PDB file of N, CA and C in Angstrom:
ATOM      1  N   MET A   1      11.482 -45.365 -13.504  1.00  0.00           N
ATOM      2  CA  MET A   1      10.326 -45.767 -14.283  1.00  0.00           C
ATOM      3  C   MET A   1       9.282 -44.671 -14.246  1.00  0.00           C
ATOM      4  N   LYS A   2       8.483 -44.666 -15.237  1.00  0.00           N
ATOM      5  CA  LYS A   2       7.436 -43.666 -15.315  1.00  0.00           C
ATOM      6  C   LYS A   2       6.371 -43.970 -14.263  1.00  0.00           C
ATOM      7  N   GLY A   3       6.137 -43.007 -13.382  1.00  0.00           N
ATOM      8  CA  GLY A   3       5.137 -43.173 -12.356  1.00  0.00           C
ATOM      9  C   GLY A   3       5.621 -43.872 -11.105  1.00  0.00           C
ATOM     10  N   ALA A   4       6.902 -44.181 -10.999  1.00  0.00           N
ATOM     11  CA  ALA A   4       7.420 -44.879  -9.823  1.00  0.00           C
ATOM     12  C   ALA A   4       7.491 -43.929  -8.634  1.00  0.00           C
ATOM     13  N   GLU A   5       7.281 -44.472  -7.448  1.00  0.00           N
ATOM     14  CA  GLU A   5       7.356 -43.685  -6.219  1.00  0.00           C
ATOM     15  C   GLU A   5       8.817 -43.529  -5.804  1.00  0.00           C
ATOM     16  N   ARG A   6       9.221 -42.307  -5.496  1.00  0.00           N
ATOM     17  CA  ARG A   6      10.589 -42.059  -5.064  1.00  0.00           C
ATOM     18  C   ARG A   6      10.753 -42.258  -3.558  1.00  0.00           C
ATOM     19  N   ASN A   7       9.648 -42.169  -2.824  1.00  0.00           N
ATOM     20  CA  ASN A   7       9.728 -42.237  -1.367  1.00  0.00           C
ATOM     21  C   ASN A   7       9.207 -43.547  -0.800  1.00  0.00           C
ATOM     22  N   VAL A   8       9.023 -44.555  -1.628  1.00  0.00           N
ATOM     23  CA  VAL A   8       8.549 -45.850  -1.144  1.00  0.00           C
ATOM     24  C   VAL A   8       9.633 -46.471  -0.270  1.00  0.00           C
ATOM     25  N   ARG A   9       9.218 -47.190   0.737  1.00  0.00           N
ATOM     26  CA  ARG A   9      10.174 -47.807   1.668  1.00  0.00           C
ATOM     27  C   ARG A   9      10.025 -49.320   1.633  1.00  0.00           C
ATOM     28  N   ASP A  10      11.157 -50.001   1.778  1.00  0.00           N
ATOM     29  CA  ASP A  10      11.120 -51.464   1.819  1.00  0.00           C
ATOM     30  C   ASP A  10      10.871 -51.938   3.252  1.00  0.00           C
ATOM     31  N   SER A  11      11.014 -53.232   3.486  1.00  0.00           N
ATOM     32  CA  SER A  11      10.725 -53.788   4.819  1.00  0.00           C
ATOM     33  C   SER A  11      11.692 -53.280   5.885  1.00  0.00           C
ATOM     34  N   GLU A  12      12.866 -52.794   5.475  1.00  0.00           N
ATOM     35  CA  GLU A  12      13.843 -52.246   6.418  1.00  0.00           C
ATOM     36  C   GLU A  12      13.703 -50.738   6.582  1.00  0.00           C
ATOM     37  N   GLY A  13      12.765 -50.138   5.859  1.00  0.00           N
ATOM     38  CA  GLY A  13      12.539 -48.697   5.966  1.00  0.00           C
ATOM     39  C   GLY A  13      13.461 -47.857   5.103  1.00  0.00           C
ATOM     40  N   ARG A  14      14.098 -48.467   4.117  1.00  0.00           N
ATOM     41  CA  ARG A  14      15.032 -47.738   3.251  1.00  0.00           C
ATOM     42  C   ARG A  14      14.348 -47.316   1.960  1.00  0.00           C
ATOM     43  N   THR A  15      14.712 -46.142   1.468  1.00  0.00           N
ATOM     44  CA  THR A  15      14.189 -45.618   0.201  1.00  0.00           C
ATOM     45  C   THR A  15      15.175 -45.957  -0.921  1.00  0.00           C
ATOM     46  N   PRO A  16      14.782 -45.801  -2.177  1.00  0.00           N
ATOM     47  CA  PRO A  16      15.725 -46.038  -3.274  1.00  0.00           C
ATOM     48  C   PRO A  16      16.965 -45.154  -3.177  1.00  0.00           C
ATOM     49  N   ALA A  17      16.815 -43.931  -2.677  1.00  0.00           N
ATOM     50  CA  ALA A  17      17.976 -43.045  -2.527  1.00  0.00           C
ATOM     51  C   ALA A  17      18.973 -43.599  -1.514  1.00  0.00           C
ATOM     52  N   ASP A  18      18.471 -44.323  -0.517  1.00  0.00           N
ATOM     53  CA  ASP A  18      19.378 -44.926   0.474  1.00  0.00           C
ATOM     54  C   ASP A  18      20.252 -46.007  -0.154  1.00  0.00           C
ATOM     55  N   TYR A  19      19.741 -46.692  -1.135  1.00  0.00           N
ATOM     56  CA  TYR A  19      20.508 -47.751  -1.792  1.00  0.00           C
ATOM     57  C   TYR A  19      21.613 -47.202  -2.700  1.00  0.00           C
ATOM     58  N   THR A  20      21.554 -45.927  -3.048  1.00  0.00           N
ATOM     59  CA  THR A  20      22.611 -45.362  -3.885  1.00  0.00           C
ATOM     60  C   THR A  20      23.936 -45.281  -3.141  1.00  0.00           C
ATOM     61  N   ASP A  21      23.905 -45.332  -1.816  1.00  0.00           N
ATOM     62  CA  ASP A  21      25.155 -45.296  -1.042  1.00  0.00           C
ATOM     63  C   ASP A  21      26.004 -46.535  -1.279  1.00  0.00           C
ATOM     64  N   GLN A  22      25.411 -47.607  -1.784  1.00  0.00           N
ATOM     65  CA  GLN A  22      26.144 -48.840  -2.046  1.00  0.00           C
ATOM     66  C   GLN A  22      26.884 -48.820  -3.383  1.00  0.00           C
ATOM     67  N   ILE A  23      26.645 -47.796  -4.217  1.00  0.00           N
ATOM     68  CA  ILE A  23      27.301 -47.700  -5.524  1.00  0.00           C
ATOM     69  C   ILE A  23      28.717 -47.172  -5.320  1.00  0.00           C
ATOM     70  N   SER A  24      29.687 -47.858  -5.914  1.00  0.00           N
ATOM     71  CA  SER A  24      31.083 -47.457  -5.706  1.00  0.00           C
ATOM     72  C   SER A  24      31.521 -46.330  -6.645  1.00  0.00           C
ATOM     73  N   ASP A  25      30.953 -46.253  -7.845  1.00  0.00           N
ATOM     74  CA  ASP A  25      31.334 -45.213  -8.808  1.00  0.00           C
ATOM     75  C   ASP A  25      30.696 -43.890  -8.379  1.00  0.00           C
ATOM     76  N   SER A  26      31.534 -42.877  -8.088  1.00  0.00           N
ATOM     77  CA  SER A  26      31.021 -41.613  -7.550  1.00  0.00           C
ATOM     78  C   SER A  26      30.171 -40.849  -8.562  1.00  0.00           C
ATOM     79  N   VAL A  27      30.520 -40.926  -9.836  1.00  0.00           N
ATOM     80  CA  VAL A  27      29.744 -40.216 -10.863  1.00  0.00           C
ATOM     81  C   VAL A  27      28.359 -40.841 -10.997  1.00  0.00           C
ATOM     82  N   LEU A  28      28.316 -42.154 -11.028  1.00  0.00           N
ATOM     83  CA  LEU A  28      27.041 -42.863 -11.124  1.00  0.00           C
ATOM     84  C   LEU A  28      26.203 -42.645  -9.864  1.00  0.00           C
ATOM     85  N   LYS A  29      26.841 -42.653  -8.714  1.00  0.00           N
ATOM     86  CA  LYS A  29      26.138 -42.421  -7.448  1.00  0.00           C
ATOM     87  C   LYS A  29      25.496 -41.033  -7.445  1.00  0.00           C
ATOM     88  N   LYS A  30      26.246 -40.031  -7.890  1.00  0.00           N
ATOM     89  CA  LYS A  30      25.723 -38.660  -7.930  1.00  0.00           C
ATOM     90  C   LYS A  30      24.560 -38.555  -8.911  1.00  0.00           C
ATOM     91  N   ALA A  31      24.660 -39.232 -10.052  1.00  0.00           N
ATOM     92  CA  ALA A  31      23.584 -39.196 -11.050  1.00  0.00           C
ATOM     93  C   ALA A  31      22.305 -39.820 -10.499  1.00  0.00           C
ATOM     94  N   PHE A  32      22.435 -40.957  -9.810  1.00  0.00           N
ATOM     95  CA  PHE A  32      21.261 -41.595  -9.219  1.00  0.00           C
ATOM     96  C   PHE A  32      20.650 -40.734  -8.116  1.00  0.00           C
ATOM     97  N   LYS A  33      21.489 -40.155  -7.269  1.00  0.00           N
ATOM     98  CA  LYS A  33      20.977 -39.296  -6.193  1.00  0.00           C
ATOM     99  C   LYS A  33      20.210 -38.110  -6.768  1.00  0.00           C
ATOM    100  N   ASN A  34      20.752 -37.495  -7.823  1.00  0.00           N
ATOM    101  CA  ASN A  34      20.059 -36.362  -8.448  1.00  0.00           C
ATOM    102  C   ASN A  34      18.737 -36.792  -9.071  1.00  0.00           C
ATOM    103  N   ALA A  35      18.713 -37.955  -9.711  1.00  0.00           N
ATOM    104  CA  ALA A  35      17.490 -38.430 -10.358  1.00  0.00           C
ATOM    105  C   ALA A  35      16.419 -38.782  -9.333  1.00  0.00           C
ATOM    106  N   LEU A  36      16.827 -39.297  -8.189  1.00  0.00           N
ATOM    107  CA  LEU A  36      15.865 -39.711  -7.171  1.00  0.00           C
ATOM    108  C   LEU A  36      15.464 -38.579  -6.226  1.00  0.00           C
ATOM    109  N   SER A  37      16.207 -37.478  -6.225  1.00  0.00           N
ATOM    110  CA  SER A  37      15.917 -36.416  -5.268  1.00  0.00           C
ATOM    111  C   SER A  37      14.658 -35.630  -5.608  1.00  0.00           C
ATOM    112  N   SER A  38      14.402 -35.406  -6.888  1.00  0.00           N
ATOM    113  CA  SER A  38      13.218 -34.630  -7.268  1.00  0.00           C
ATOM    114  C   SER A  38      12.720 -35.105  -8.628  1.00  0.00           C
ATOM    115  N   PRO A  39      11.459 -34.808  -8.965  1.00  0.00           N
ATOM    116  CA  PRO A  39      10.945 -35.194 -10.286  1.00  0.00           C
ATOM    117  C   PRO A  39      11.769 -34.540 -11.389  1.00  0.00           C
ATOM    118  N   TRP A  40      11.993 -35.253 -12.467  1.00  0.00           N
ATOM    119  CA  TRP A  40      12.762 -34.715 -13.573  1.00  0.00           C
ATOM    120  C   TRP A  40      12.011 -34.952 -14.866  1.00  0.00           C
ATOM    121  N   TYR A  41      12.419 -34.264 -15.884  1.00  0.00           N
ATOM    122  CA  TYR A  41      11.733 -34.280 -17.165  1.00  0.00           C
ATOM    123  C   TYR A  41      12.702 -34.712 -18.251  1.00  0.00           C
ATOM    124  N   PHE A  42      12.151 -35.258 -19.330  1.00  0.00           N
ATOM    125  CA  PHE A  42      12.993 -35.629 -20.459  1.00  0.00           C
ATOM    126  C   PHE A  42      12.484 -34.921 -21.704  1.00  0.00           C
ATOM    127  N   GLY A  43      13.349 -34.760 -22.682  1.00  0.00           N
ATOM    128  CA  GLY A  43      12.983 -34.047 -23.893  1.00  0.00           C
ATOM    129  C   GLY A  43      11.940 -34.789 -24.701  1.00  0.00           C
ATOM    130  N   CYS A  44      11.007 -34.060 -25.218  1.00  0.00           N
ATOM    131  CA  CYS A  44       9.937 -34.643 -26.010  1.00  0.00           C
ATOM    132  C   CYS A  44       9.429 -33.569 -26.955  1.00  0.00           C
ATOM    133  N   PRO A  45       9.115 -33.904 -28.204  1.00  0.00           N
ATOM    134  CA  PRO A  45       8.615 -32.871 -29.121  1.00  0.00           C
ATOM    135  C   PRO A  45       7.279 -32.283 -28.689  1.00  0.00           C
ATOM    136  N   LEU A  46       6.553 -32.955 -27.811  1.00  0.00           N
ATOM    137  CA  LEU A  46       5.271 -32.435 -27.342  1.00  0.00           C
ATOM    138  C   LEU A  46       5.423 -31.528 -26.128  1.00  0.00           C
ATOM    139  N   GLY A  47       6.607 -31.363 -25.635  1.00  0.00           N
ATOM    140  CA  GLY A  47       6.824 -30.517 -24.466  1.00  0.00           C
ATOM    141  C   GLY A  47       7.473 -31.291 -23.352  1.00  0.00           C
ATOM    142  N   ARG A  48       7.541 -30.668 -22.211  1.00  0.00           N
ATOM    143  CA  ARG A  48       8.166 -31.309 -21.049  1.00  0.00           C
ATOM    144  C   ARG A  48       7.129 -32.143 -20.331  1.00  0.00           C
ATOM    145  N   LEU A  49       7.289 -33.440 -20.409  1.00  0.00           N
ATOM    146  CA  LEU A  49       6.337 -34.354 -19.787  1.00  0.00           C
ATOM    147  C   LEU A  49       6.888 -34.860 -18.462  1.00  0.00           C
ATOM    148  N   PRO A  50       6.144 -34.744 -17.386  1.00  0.00           N
ATOM    149  CA  PRO A  50       6.634 -35.270 -16.113  1.00  0.00           C
ATOM    150  C   PRO A  50       6.582 -36.792 -16.107  1.00  0.00           C
ATOM    151  N   LEU A  51       7.434 -37.387 -15.330  1.00  0.00           N
ATOM    152  CA  LEU A  51       7.451 -38.836 -15.215  1.00  0.00           C
ATOM    153  C   LEU A  51       6.405 -39.260 -14.195  1.00  0.00           C
ATOM    154  N   MET A  52       5.182 -39.313 -14.639  1.00  0.00           N
ATOM    155  CA  MET A  52       4.061 -39.715 -13.804  1.00  0.00           C
ATOM    156  C   MET A  52       3.063 -40.445 -14.679  1.00  0.00           C
ATOM    157  N   PRO A  53       2.137 -41.171 -14.093  1.00  0.00           N
ATOM    158  CA  PRO A  53       1.149 -41.878 -14.907  1.00  0.00           C
ATOM    159  C   PRO A  53       0.367 -40.919 -15.794  1.00  0.00           C
ATOM    160  N   VAL A  54       0.108 -41.353 -17.008  1.00  0.00           N
ATOM    161  CA  VAL A  54      -0.617 -40.525 -17.963  1.00  0.00           C
ATOM    162  C   VAL A  54      -2.107 -40.700 -17.725  1.00  0.00           C
ATOM    163  N   SER A  55      -2.828 -39.593 -17.634  1.00  0.00           N
ATOM    164  CA  SER A  55      -4.274 -39.657 -17.460  1.00  0.00           C
ATOM    165  C   SER A  55      -4.953 -39.275 -18.775  1.00  0.00           C
ATOM    166  N   ARG A  56      -6.173 -39.728 -18.946  1.00  0.00           N
ATOM    167  CA  ARG A  56      -6.914 -39.415 -20.164  1.00  0.00           C
ATOM    168  C   ARG A  56      -7.292 -37.943 -20.175  1.00  0.00           C
ATOM    169  N   ASN A  57      -7.304 -37.377 -21.370  1.00  0.00           N
ATOM    170  CA  ASN A  57      -7.785 -36.013 -21.513  1.00  0.00           C
ATOM    171  C   ASN A  57      -8.557 -35.899 -22.823  1.00  0.00           C
ATOM    172  N   ASN A  58      -9.350 -34.875 -22.941  1.00  0.00           N
ATOM    173  CA  ASN A  58     -10.184 -34.701 -24.120  1.00  0.00           C
ATOM    174  C   ASN A  58      -9.426 -34.072 -25.278  1.00  0.00           C
ATOM    175  N   ARG A  59      -8.327 -33.391 -24.996  1.00  0.00           N
ATOM    176  CA  ARG A  59      -7.577 -32.733 -26.070  1.00  0.00           C
ATOM    177  C   ARG A  59      -7.055 -33.723 -27.092  1.00  0.00           C
ATOM    178  N   SER A  60      -6.539 -34.847 -26.644  1.00  0.00           N
ATOM    179  CA  SER A  60      -5.993 -35.815 -27.597  1.00  0.00           C
ATOM    180  C   SER A  60      -7.106 -36.430 -28.445  1.00  0.00           C
ATOM    181  N   ALA A  61      -8.273 -36.667 -27.855  1.00  0.00           N
ATOM    182  CA  ALA A  61      -9.395 -37.207 -28.623  1.00  0.00           C
ATOM    183  C   ALA A  61      -9.890 -36.189 -29.651  1.00  0.00           C
ATOM    184  N   VAL A  62      -9.966 -34.929 -29.268  1.00  0.00           N
ATOM    185  CA  VAL A  62     -10.401 -33.876 -30.200  1.00  0.00           C
ATOM    186  C   VAL A  62      -9.375 -33.716 -31.315  1.00  0.00           C
ATOM    187  N   LEU A  63      -8.095 -33.726 -30.972  1.00  0.00           N
ATOM    188  CA  LEU A  63      -7.052 -33.614 -31.997  1.00  0.00           C
ATOM    189  C   LEU A  63      -7.118 -34.778 -32.969  1.00  0.00           C
ATOM    190  N   PHE A  64      -7.337 -35.988 -32.455  1.00  0.00           N
ATOM    191  CA  PHE A  64      -7.459 -37.149 -33.320  1.00  0.00           C
ATOM    192  C   PHE A  64      -8.638 -36.984 -34.281  1.00  0.00           C
ATOM    193  N   CYS A  65      -9.790 -36.545 -33.776  1.00  0.00           N
ATOM    194  CA  CYS A  65     -10.972 -36.370 -34.623  1.00  0.00           C
ATOM    195  C   CYS A  65     -10.742 -35.307 -35.688  1.00  0.00           C
ATOM    196  N   ILE A  66     -10.117 -34.198 -35.316  1.00  0.00           N
ATOM    197  CA  ILE A  66      -9.840 -33.129 -36.289  1.00  0.00           C
ATOM    198  C   ILE A  66      -8.929 -33.646 -37.388  1.00  0.00           C
ATOM    199  N   LEU A  67      -7.856 -34.323 -37.030  1.00  0.00           N
ATOM    200  CA  LEU A  67      -6.935 -34.852 -38.035  1.00  0.00           C
ATOM    201  C   LEU A  67      -7.594 -35.921 -38.898  1.00  0.00           C
ATOM    202  N   PHE A  68      -8.411 -36.767 -38.282  1.00  0.00           N
ATOM    203  CA  PHE A  68      -9.106 -37.808 -39.028  1.00  0.00           C
ATOM    204  C   PHE A  68     -10.027 -37.202 -40.081  1.00  0.00           C
ATOM    205  N   PHE A  69     -10.842 -36.219 -39.683  1.00  0.00           N
ATOM    206  CA  PHE A  69     -11.770 -35.604 -40.629  1.00  0.00           C
ATOM    207  C   PHE A  69     -11.049 -34.767 -41.672  1.00  0.00           C
ATOM    208  N   TYR A  70      -9.931 -34.151 -41.323  1.00  0.00           N
ATOM    209  CA  TYR A  70      -9.131 -33.411 -42.297  1.00  0.00           C
ATOM    210  C   TYR A  70      -8.614 -34.361 -43.389  1.00  0.00           C
ATOM    211  N   ILE A  71      -8.107 -35.497 -42.988  1.00  0.00           N
ATOM    212  CA  ILE A  71      -7.608 -36.478 -43.959  1.00  0.00           C
ATOM    213  C   ILE A  71      -8.754 -37.045 -44.782  1.00  0.00           C
ATOM    214  N   LEU A  72      -9.891 -37.310 -44.151  1.00  0.00           N
ATOM    215  CA  LEU A  72     -11.061 -37.833 -44.867  1.00  0.00           C
ATOM    216  C   LEU A  72     -11.555 -36.840 -45.916  1.00  0.00           C
ATOM    217  N   ILE A  73     -11.681 -35.585 -45.545  1.00  0.00           N
ATOM    218  CA  ILE A  73     -12.157 -34.576 -46.494  1.00  0.00           C
ATOM    219  C   ILE A  73     -11.145 -34.372 -47.606  1.00  0.00           C
ATOM    220  N   THR A  74      -9.868 -34.374 -47.278  1.00  0.00           N
ATOM    221  CA  THR A  74      -8.833 -34.266 -48.311  1.00  0.00           C
ATOM    222  C   THR A  74      -8.941 -35.431 -49.284  1.00  0.00           C
ATOM    223  N   GLN A  75      -9.174 -36.606 -48.773  1.00  0.00           N
ATOM    224  CA  GLN A  75      -9.333 -37.794 -49.618  1.00  0.00           C
ATOM    225  C   GLN A  75     -10.534 -37.638 -50.553  1.00  0.00           C
ATOM    226  N   LEU A  76     -11.651 -37.176 -50.021  1.00  0.00           N
ATOM    227  CA  LEU A  76     -12.877 -37.073 -50.815  1.00  0.00           C
ATOM    228  C   LEU A  76     -12.853 -35.910 -51.807  1.00  0.00           C
ATOM    229  N   VAL A  77     -12.283 -34.781 -51.428  1.00  0.00           N
ATOM    230  CA  VAL A  77     -12.330 -33.578 -52.258  1.00  0.00           C
ATOM    231  C   VAL A  77     -11.165 -33.496 -53.239  1.00  0.00           C
ATOM    232  N   VAL A  78      -9.995 -33.872 -52.826  1.00  0.00           N
ATOM    233  CA  VAL A  78      -8.817 -33.673 -53.662  1.00  0.00           C
ATOM    234  C   VAL A  78      -8.430 -34.929 -54.434  1.00  0.00           C
ATOM    235  N   ILE A  79      -8.355 -36.045 -53.781  1.00  0.00           N
ATOM    236  CA  ILE A  79      -7.820 -37.248 -54.398  1.00  0.00           C
ATOM    237  C   ILE A  79      -8.855 -37.981 -55.229  1.00  0.00           C
ATOM    238  N   GLU A  80     -10.063 -38.192 -54.711  1.00  0.00           N
ATOM    239  CA  GLU A  80     -11.088 -38.958 -55.415  1.00  0.00           C
ATOM    240  C   GLU A  80     -11.531 -38.324 -56.737  1.00  0.00           C
ATOM    241  N   PRO A  81     -11.770 -36.993 -56.810  1.00  0.00           N
ATOM    242  CA  PRO A  81     -12.183 -36.413 -58.098  1.00  0.00           C
ATOM    243  C   PRO A  81     -11.108 -36.532 -59.186  1.00  0.00           C
ATOM    244  N   GLY A  82      -9.888 -36.678 -58.803  1.00  0.00           N
ATOM    245  CA  GLY A  82      -8.813 -36.790 -59.793  1.00  0.00           C
ATOM    246  C   GLY A  82      -8.727 -38.140 -60.464  1.00  0.00           C
ATOM    247  N   LYS A  83      -9.437 -39.131 -59.963  1.00  0.00           N
ATOM    248  CA  LYS A  83      -9.362 -40.483 -60.533  1.00  0.00           C
ATOM    249  C   LYS A  83     -10.184 -40.608 -61.772  1.00  0.00           C
TER     250      LYS A  83
END
């Protein structure tokens, strides 16, 4: 899961990686061990995003405002005069 702790321990002191030993399929066991051993990334058109909680940033707000005003001005200058 996005933002999940890999080193959290249950009441018996076991981590999620410890539970992979109970998987009988060796390919699946290896895949889980690799996924739990270190942070991994998945493909995204915006770049490589780590699997961690997303924090607010000003770039997305500025990008939204720029795109909003670009569309607004295009609407007022290009589309409206043509009607």
